[in-house]
Amino acid sequence: AKKEREIEGLKAQNDKADLDKKLSISDATST
């Protein structure tokens, strides 16, 4: 259960990082 929670956390972080990356790329591209 702990590993699943960690995996879920990592997935959430990864999703957030992907989102931030996409946003950064979008901002950089726009700039």
PDB file of all heavy atoms in Angstrom:
ATOM      1  N   ALA A   1       0.839  -1.209   0.000  1.00  0.00           N
ATOM      2  CA  ALA A   1       0.000   0.000   0.000  1.00  0.00           C
ATOM      3  C   ALA A   1       0.873   1.258   0.000  1.00  0.00           C
ATOM      4  O   ALA A   1       0.587   2.258  -0.682  1.00  0.00           O
ATOM      5  CB  ALA A   1      -0.926  -0.012   1.206  1.00  0.00           C
ATOM      6  N   LYS A   2       1.977   1.180   0.804  1.00  0.00           N
ATOM      7  CA  LYS A   2       2.905   2.322   0.857  1.00  0.00           C
ATOM      8  C   LYS A   2       3.542   2.570  -0.499  1.00  0.00           C
ATOM      9  O   LYS A   2       3.650   3.720  -0.961  1.00  0.00           O
ATOM     10  CB  LYS A   2       3.972   2.044   1.912  1.00  0.00           C
ATOM     11  CG  LYS A   2       4.940   3.199   2.107  1.00  0.00           C
ATOM     12  CD  LYS A   2       5.945   2.839   3.201  1.00  0.00           C
ATOM     13  CE  LYS A   2       6.928   3.980   3.392  1.00  0.00           C
ATOM     14  NZ  LYS A   2       7.934   3.651   4.434  1.00  0.00           N
ATOM     15  N   LYS A   3       3.990   1.493  -1.150  1.00  0.00           N
ATOM     16  CA  LYS A   3       4.598   1.624  -2.473  1.00  0.00           C
ATOM     17  C   LYS A   3       3.589   2.165  -3.471  1.00  0.00           C
ATOM     18  O   LYS A   3       3.941   2.990  -4.332  1.00  0.00           O
ATOM     19  CB  LYS A   3       5.121   0.259  -2.937  1.00  0.00           C
ATOM     20  CG  LYS A   3       6.304  -0.258  -2.122  1.00  0.00           C
ATOM     21  CD  LYS A   3       7.512   0.652  -2.274  1.00  0.00           C
ATOM     22  CE  LYS A   3       8.712   0.095  -1.482  1.00  0.00           C
ATOM     23  NZ  LYS A   3       9.870   0.987  -1.575  1.00  0.00           N
ATOM     24  N   GLU A   4       2.343   1.672  -3.343  1.00  0.00           N
ATOM     25  CA  GLU A   4       1.314   2.173  -4.264  1.00  0.00           C
ATOM     26  C   GLU A   4       1.081   3.662  -4.047  1.00  0.00           C
ATOM     27  O   GLU A   4       0.911   4.423  -5.000  1.00  0.00           O
ATOM     28  CB  GLU A   4       0.018   1.378  -4.051  1.00  0.00           C
ATOM     29  CG  GLU A   4       0.093  -0.049  -4.606  1.00  0.00           C
ATOM     30  CD  GLU A   4      -1.191  -0.824  -4.351  1.00  0.00           C
ATOM     31  OE1 GLU A   4      -2.051  -0.268  -3.629  1.00  0.00           O
ATOM     32  OE2 GLU A   4      -1.328  -1.936  -4.887  1.00  0.00           O
ATOM     33  N   ARG A   5       1.091   4.062  -2.736  1.00  0.00           N
ATOM     34  CA  ARG A   5       0.935   5.491  -2.465  1.00  0.00           C
ATOM     35  C   ARG A   5       2.111   6.295  -3.048  1.00  0.00           C
ATOM     36  O   ARG A   5       1.935   7.376  -3.606  1.00  0.00           O
ATOM     37  CB  ARG A   5       0.838   5.734  -0.952  1.00  0.00           C
ATOM     38  CG  ARG A   5      -0.496   5.276  -0.349  1.00  0.00           C
ATOM     39  CD  ARG A   5      -0.691   5.845   1.044  1.00  0.00           C
ATOM     40  NE  ARG A   5       0.354   5.428   1.970  1.00  0.00           N
ATOM     41  CZ  ARG A   5       0.303   4.315   2.693  1.00  0.00           C
ATOM     42  NH1 ARG A   5      -0.735   3.482   2.607  1.00  0.00           N
ATOM     43  NH2 ARG A   5       1.296   4.016   3.513  1.00  0.00           N
ATOM     44  N   GLU A   6       3.351   5.738  -2.866  1.00  0.00           N
ATOM     45  CA  GLU A   6       4.528   6.416  -3.434  1.00  0.00           C
ATOM     46  C   GLU A   6       4.432   6.507  -4.942  1.00  0.00           C
ATOM     47  O   GLU A   6       4.762   7.537  -5.549  1.00  0.00           O
ATOM     48  CB  GLU A   6       5.798   5.667  -3.018  1.00  0.00           C
ATOM     49  CG  GLU A   6       6.134   5.809  -1.544  1.00  0.00           C
ATOM     50  CD  GLU A   6       7.404   5.050  -1.184  1.00  0.00           C
ATOM     51  OE1 GLU A   6       7.980   4.383  -2.079  1.00  0.00           O
ATOM     52  OE2 GLU A   6       7.835   5.124  -0.008  1.00  0.00           O
ATOM     53  N   ILE A   7       3.989   5.387  -5.531  1.00  0.00           N
ATOM     54  CA  ILE A   7       3.836   5.390  -6.995  1.00  0.00           C
ATOM     55  C   ILE A   7       2.817   6.427  -7.418  1.00  0.00           C
ATOM     56  O   ILE A   7       3.016   7.173  -8.393  1.00  0.00           O
ATOM     57  CB  ILE A   7       3.445   3.974  -7.475  1.00  0.00           C
ATOM     58  CG1 ILE A   7       4.633   3.019  -7.291  1.00  0.00           C
ATOM     59  CG2 ILE A   7       3.010   4.014  -8.937  1.00  0.00           C
ATOM     60  CD1 ILE A   7       4.281   1.564  -7.522  1.00  0.00           C
ATOM     61  N   GLU A   8       1.709   6.487  -6.658  1.00  0.00           N
ATOM     62  CA  GLU A   8       0.695   7.482  -6.984  1.00  0.00           C
ATOM     63  C   GLU A   8       1.248   8.902  -6.833  1.00  0.00           C
ATOM     64  O   GLU A   8       0.979   9.794  -7.646  1.00  0.00           O
ATOM     65  CB  GLU A   8      -0.529   7.284  -6.071  1.00  0.00           C
ATOM     66  CG  GLU A   8      -1.308   6.011  -6.336  1.00  0.00           C
ATOM     67  CD  GLU A   8      -1.910   5.990  -7.736  1.00  0.00           C
ATOM     68  OE1 GLU A   8      -2.240   7.083  -8.252  1.00  0.00           O
ATOM     69  OE2 GLU A   8      -2.042   4.888  -8.299  1.00  0.00           O
ATOM     70  N   GLY A   9       2.080   9.075  -5.728  1.00  0.00           N
ATOM     71  CA  GLY A   9       2.697  10.398  -5.529  1.00  0.00           C
ATOM     72  C   GLY A   9       3.648  10.750  -6.654  1.00  0.00           C
ATOM     73  O   GLY A   9       3.678  11.889  -7.147  1.00  0.00           O
ATOM     74  N   LEU A  10       4.487   9.741  -7.036  1.00  0.00           N
ATOM     75  CA  LEU A  10       5.430   9.991  -8.138  1.00  0.00           C
ATOM     76  C   LEU A  10       4.692  10.272  -9.434  1.00  0.00           C
ATOM     77  O   LEU A  10       5.107  11.134 -10.229  1.00  0.00           O
ATOM     78  CB  LEU A  10       6.363   8.789  -8.299  1.00  0.00           C
ATOM     79  CG  LEU A  10       7.368   8.574  -7.166  1.00  0.00           C
ATOM     80  CD1 LEU A  10       8.128   7.265  -7.364  1.00  0.00           C
ATOM     81  CD2 LEU A  10       8.368   9.746  -7.107  1.00  0.00           C
ATOM     82  N   LYS A  11       3.580   9.506  -9.627  1.00  0.00           N
ATOM     83  CA  LYS A  11       2.794   9.762 -10.831  1.00  0.00           C
ATOM     84  C   LYS A  11       2.230  11.180 -10.820  1.00  0.00           C
ATOM     85  O   LYS A  11       2.238  11.878 -11.836  1.00  0.00           O
ATOM     86  CB  LYS A  11       1.650   8.742 -10.926  1.00  0.00           C
ATOM     87  CG  LYS A  11       2.086   7.360 -11.374  1.00  0.00           C
ATOM     88  CD  LYS A  11       0.885   6.435 -11.490  1.00  0.00           C
ATOM     89  CE  LYS A  11       1.291   5.048 -11.989  1.00  0.00           C
ATOM     90  NZ  LYS A  11       0.113   4.143 -12.111  1.00  0.00           N
ATOM     91  N   ALA A  12       1.766  11.594  -9.614  1.00  0.00           N
ATOM     92  CA  ALA A  12       1.222  12.953  -9.513  1.00  0.00           C
ATOM     93  C   ALA A  12       2.309  13.992  -9.765  1.00  0.00           C
ATOM     94  O   ALA A  12       2.104  14.977 -10.483  1.00  0.00           O
ATOM     95  CB  ALA A  12       0.606  13.155  -8.122  1.00  0.00           C
ATOM     96  N   GLN A  13       3.516  13.734  -9.143  1.00  0.00           N
ATOM     97  CA  GLN A  13       4.629  14.662  -9.372  1.00  0.00           C
ATOM     98  C   GLN A  13       5.039  14.690 -10.838  1.00  0.00           C
ATOM     99  O   GLN A  13       5.332  15.748 -11.407  1.00  0.00           O
ATOM    100  CB  GLN A  13       5.831  14.266  -8.498  1.00  0.00           C
ATOM    101  CG  GLN A  13       5.598  14.487  -7.010  1.00  0.00           C
ATOM    102  CD  GLN A  13       6.814  14.051  -6.197  1.00  0.00           C
ATOM    103  OE1 GLN A  13       7.817  13.609  -6.749  1.00  0.00           O
ATOM    104  NE2 GLN A  13       6.700  14.160  -4.861  1.00  0.00           N
ATOM    105  N   ASN A  14       5.086  13.491 -11.417  1.00  0.00           N
ATOM    106  CA  ASN A  14       5.463  13.404 -12.826  1.00  0.00           C
ATOM    107  C   ASN A  14       4.457  14.147 -13.696  1.00  0.00           C
ATOM    108  O   ASN A  14       4.828  14.886 -14.628  1.00  0.00           O
ATOM    109  CB  ASN A  14       5.573  11.936 -13.230  1.00  0.00           C
ATOM    110  CG  ASN A  14       6.203  11.769 -14.598  1.00  0.00           C
ATOM    111  OD1 ASN A  14       6.921  12.645 -15.056  1.00  0.00           O
ATOM    112  ND2 ASN A  14       5.931  10.652 -15.251  1.00  0.00           N
ATOM    113  N   ASP A  15       3.173  13.931 -13.362  1.00  0.00           N
ATOM    114  CA  ASP A  15       2.129  14.634 -14.113  1.00  0.00           C
ATOM    115  C   ASP A  15       2.266  16.145 -13.950  1.00  0.00           C
ATOM    116  O   ASP A  15       2.123  16.907 -14.918  1.00  0.00           O
ATOM    117  CB  ASP A  15       0.745  14.171 -13.642  1.00  0.00           C
ATOM    118  CG  ASP A  15       0.481  12.704 -14.000  1.00  0.00           C
ATOM    119  OD1 ASP A  15       1.173  12.198 -14.936  1.00  0.00           O
ATOM    120  OD2 ASP A  15      -0.380  12.074 -13.357  1.00  0.00           O
ATOM    121  N   LYS A  16       2.588  16.567 -12.690  1.00  0.00           N
ATOM    122  CA  LYS A  16       2.762  18.002 -12.440  1.00  0.00           C
ATOM    123  C   LYS A  16       3.989  18.545 -13.183  1.00  0.00           C
ATOM    124  O   LYS A  16       3.949  19.634 -13.762  1.00  0.00           O
ATOM    125  CB  LYS A  16       2.903  18.250 -10.937  1.00  0.00           C
ATOM    126  CG  LYS A  16       2.988  19.726 -10.583  1.00  0.00           C
ATOM    127  CD  LYS A  16       3.101  19.915  -9.090  1.00  0.00           C
ATOM    128  CE  LYS A  16       3.201  21.403  -8.752  1.00  0.00           C
ATOM    129  NZ  LYS A  16       3.356  21.621  -7.302  1.00  0.00           N
ATOM    130  N   ALA A  17       5.099  17.747 -13.112  1.00  0.00           N
ATOM    131  CA  ALA A  17       6.327  18.179 -13.820  1.00  0.00           C
ATOM    132  C   ALA A  17       6.059  18.254 -15.317  1.00  0.00           C
ATOM    133  O   ALA A  17       6.522  19.198 -15.985  1.00  0.00           O
ATOM    134  CB  ALA A  17       7.460  17.192 -13.528  1.00  0.00           C
ATOM    135  N   ASP A  18       5.335  17.246 -15.831  1.00  0.00           N
ATOM    136  CA  ASP A  18       4.998  17.294 -17.267  1.00  0.00           C
ATOM    137  C   ASP A  18       4.161  18.531 -17.575  1.00  0.00           C
ATOM    138  O   ASP A  18       4.386  19.209 -18.593  1.00  0.00           O
ATOM    139  CB  ASP A  18       4.243  16.031 -17.661  1.00  0.00           C
ATOM    140  CG  ASP A  18       5.144  14.803 -17.644  1.00  0.00           C
ATOM    141  OD1 ASP A  18       6.380  14.994 -17.702  1.00  0.00           O
ATOM    142  OD2 ASP A  18       4.623  13.674 -17.566  1.00  0.00           O
ATOM    143  N   LEU A  19       3.233  18.818 -16.664  1.00  0.00           N
ATOM    144  CA  LEU A  19       2.397  19.985 -16.881  1.00  0.00           C
ATOM    145  C   LEU A  19       3.215  21.279 -16.819  1.00  0.00           C
ATOM    146  O   LEU A  19       3.069  22.162 -17.666  1.00  0.00           O
ATOM    147  CB  LEU A  19       1.276  20.021 -15.820  1.00  0.00           C
ATOM    148  CG  LEU A  19       0.291  21.198 -15.932  1.00  0.00           C
ATOM    149  CD1 LEU A  19      -0.424  21.173 -17.276  1.00  0.00           C
ATOM    150  CD2 LEU A  19      -0.722  21.141 -14.773  1.00  0.00           C
ATOM    151  N   ASP A  20       4.125  21.345 -15.766  1.00  0.00           N
ATOM    152  CA  ASP A  20       4.990  22.532 -15.655  1.00  0.00           C
ATOM    153  C   ASP A  20       5.893  22.660 -16.865  1.00  0.00           C
ATOM    154  O   ASP A  20       6.139  23.768 -17.374  1.00  0.00           O
ATOM    155  CB  ASP A  20       5.836  22.449 -14.381  1.00  0.00           C
ATOM    156  CG  ASP A  20       4.983  22.558 -13.121  1.00  0.00           C
ATOM    157  OD1 ASP A  20       3.850  23.073 -13.233  1.00  0.00           O
ATOM    158  OD2 ASP A  20       5.450  22.131 -12.038  1.00  0.00           O
ATOM    159  N   LYS A  21       6.426  21.516 -17.301  1.00  0.00           N
ATOM    160  CA  LYS A  21       7.302  21.524 -18.466  1.00  0.00           C
ATOM    161  C   LYS A  21       6.555  22.016 -19.696  1.00  0.00           C
ATOM    162  O   LYS A  21       7.062  22.830 -20.479  1.00  0.00           O
ATOM    163  CB  LYS A  21       7.857  20.120 -18.690  1.00  0.00           C
ATOM    164  CG  LYS A  21       8.893  20.031 -19.797  1.00  0.00           C
ATOM    165  CD  LYS A  21       9.465  18.634 -19.884  1.00  0.00           C
ATOM    166  CE  LYS A  21      10.506  18.546 -20.992  1.00  0.00           C
ATOM    167  NZ  LYS A  21      11.050  17.160 -21.100  1.00  0.00           N
ATOM    168  N   LYS A  22       5.343  21.479 -19.837  1.00  0.00           N
ATOM    169  CA  LYS A  22       4.538  21.901 -20.982  1.00  0.00           C
ATOM    170  C   LYS A  22       4.228  23.404 -20.898  1.00  0.00           C
ATOM    171  O   LYS A  22       4.295  24.121 -21.897  1.00  0.00           O
ATOM    172  CB  LYS A  22       3.242  21.089 -21.030  1.00  0.00           C
ATOM    173  CG  LYS A  22       3.456  19.642 -21.429  1.00  0.00           C
ATOM    174  CD  LYS A  22       2.143  18.877 -21.429  1.00  0.00           C
ATOM    175  CE  LYS A  22       2.351  17.418 -21.829  1.00  0.00           C
ATOM    176  NZ  LYS A  22       1.084  16.644 -21.809  1.00  0.00           N
ATOM    177  N   LEU A  23       3.905  23.840 -19.654  1.00  0.00           N
ATOM    178  CA  LEU A  23       3.626  25.270 -19.483  1.00  0.00           C
ATOM    179  C   LEU A  23       4.859  26.118 -19.764  1.00  0.00           C
ATOM    180  O   LEU A  23       4.775  27.167 -20.409  1.00  0.00           O
ATOM    181  CB  LEU A  23       3.122  25.539 -18.053  1.00  0.00           C
ATOM    182  CG  LEU A  23       1.733  24.982 -17.713  1.00  0.00           C
ATOM    183  CD1 LEU A  23       1.415  25.188 -16.233  1.00  0.00           C
ATOM    184  CD2 LEU A  23       0.653  25.650 -18.572  1.00  0.00           C
ATOM    185  N   SER A  24       6.059  25.644 -19.247  1.00  0.00           N
ATOM    186  CA  SER A  24       7.308  26.375 -19.481  1.00  0.00           C
ATOM    187  C   SER A  24       7.626  26.435 -20.961  1.00  0.00           C
ATOM    188  O   SER A  24       8.021  27.478 -21.499  1.00  0.00           O
ATOM    189  CB  SER A  24       8.458  25.713 -18.726  1.00  0.00           C
ATOM    190  OG  SER A  24       8.221  25.721 -17.338  1.00  0.00           O
ATOM    191  N   ILE A  25       7.470  25.275 -21.606  1.00  0.00           N
ATOM    192  CA  ILE A  25       7.733  25.236 -23.058  1.00  0.00           C
ATOM    193  C   ILE A  25       6.773  26.161 -23.778  1.00  0.00           C
ATOM    194  O   ILE A  25       7.147  26.898 -24.703  1.00  0.00           O
ATOM    195  CB  ILE A  25       7.610  23.786 -23.575  1.00  0.00           C
ATOM    196  CG1 ILE A  25       8.750  22.928 -22.997  1.00  0.00           C
ATOM    197  CG2 ILE A  25       7.639  23.761 -25.101  1.00  0.00           C
ATOM    198  CD1 ILE A  25       8.611  21.453 -23.292  1.00  0.00           C
ATOM    199  N   SER A  26       5.522  26.143 -23.322  1.00  0.00           N
ATOM    200  CA  SER A  26       4.530  27.008 -23.953  1.00  0.00           C
ATOM    201  C   SER A  26       4.878  28.482 -23.748  1.00  0.00           C
ATOM    202  O   SER A  26       4.830  29.291 -24.678  1.00  0.00           O
ATOM    203  CB  SER A  26       3.143  26.706 -23.369  1.00  0.00           C
ATOM    204  OG  SER A  26       2.177  27.581 -23.920  1.00  0.00           O
ATOM    205  N   ASP A  27       5.276  28.817 -22.469  1.00  0.00           N
ATOM    206  CA  ASP A  27       5.666  30.208 -22.185  1.00  0.00           C
ATOM    207  C   ASP A  27       6.893  30.609 -22.988  1.00  0.00           C
ATOM    208  O   ASP A  27       6.948  31.707 -23.558  1.00  0.00           O
ATOM    209  CB  ASP A  27       5.939  30.375 -20.688  1.00  0.00           C
ATOM    210  CG  ASP A  27       4.671  30.224 -19.859  1.00  0.00           C
ATOM    211  OD1 ASP A  27       3.572  30.369 -20.434  1.00  0.00           O
ATOM    212  OD2 ASP A  27       4.795  29.956 -18.637  1.00  0.00           O
ATOM    213  N   ALA A  28       7.922  29.698 -22.983  1.00  0.00           N
ATOM    214  CA  ALA A  28       9.144  30.007 -23.723  1.00  0.00           C
ATOM    215  C   ALA A  28       8.859  30.162 -25.207  1.00  0.00           C
ATOM    216  O   ALA A  28       9.379  31.068 -25.878  1.00  0.00           O
ATOM    217  CB  ALA A  28      10.185  28.904 -23.497  1.00  0.00           C
ATOM    218  N   THR A  29       8.026  29.280 -25.710  1.00  0.00           N
ATOM    219  CA  THR A  29       7.677  29.353 -27.138  1.00  0.00           C
ATOM    220  C   THR A  29       6.946  30.655 -27.437  1.00  0.00           C
ATOM    221  O   THR A  29       7.220  31.319 -28.436  1.00  0.00           O
ATOM    222  CB  THR A  29       6.811  28.150 -27.516  1.00  0.00           C
ATOM    223  OG1 THR A  29       7.500  26.944 -27.185  1.00  0.00           O
ATOM    224  CG2 THR A  29       6.516  28.159 -29.007  1.00  0.00           C
ATOM    225  N   SER A  30       6.034  30.997 -26.514  1.00  0.00           N
ATOM    226  CA  SER A  30       5.288  32.237 -26.712  1.00  0.00           C
ATOM    227  C   SER A  30       6.213  33.453 -26.673  1.00  0.00           C
ATOM    228  O   SER A  30       6.128  34.346 -27.516  1.00  0.00           O
ATOM    229  CB  SER A  30       4.211  32.354 -25.626  1.00  0.00           C
ATOM    230  OG  SER A  30       3.519  33.585 -25.749  1.00  0.00           O
ATOM    231  N   THR A  31       7.144  33.458 -25.644  1.00  0.00           N
ATOM    232  CA  THR A  31       8.106  34.573 -25.535  1.00  0.00           C
ATOM    233  C   THR A  31       9.008  34.638 -26.750  1.00  0.00           C
ATOM    234  O   THR A  31       9.275  35.711 -27.303  1.00  0.00           O
ATOM    235  CB  THR A  31       8.948  34.405 -24.264  1.00  0.00           C
ATOM    236  OG1 THR A  31       8.091  34.316 -23.126  1.00  0.00           O
ATOM    237  CG2 THR A  31       9.897  35.582 -24.089  1.00  0.00           C
TER     238      THR A  31
END
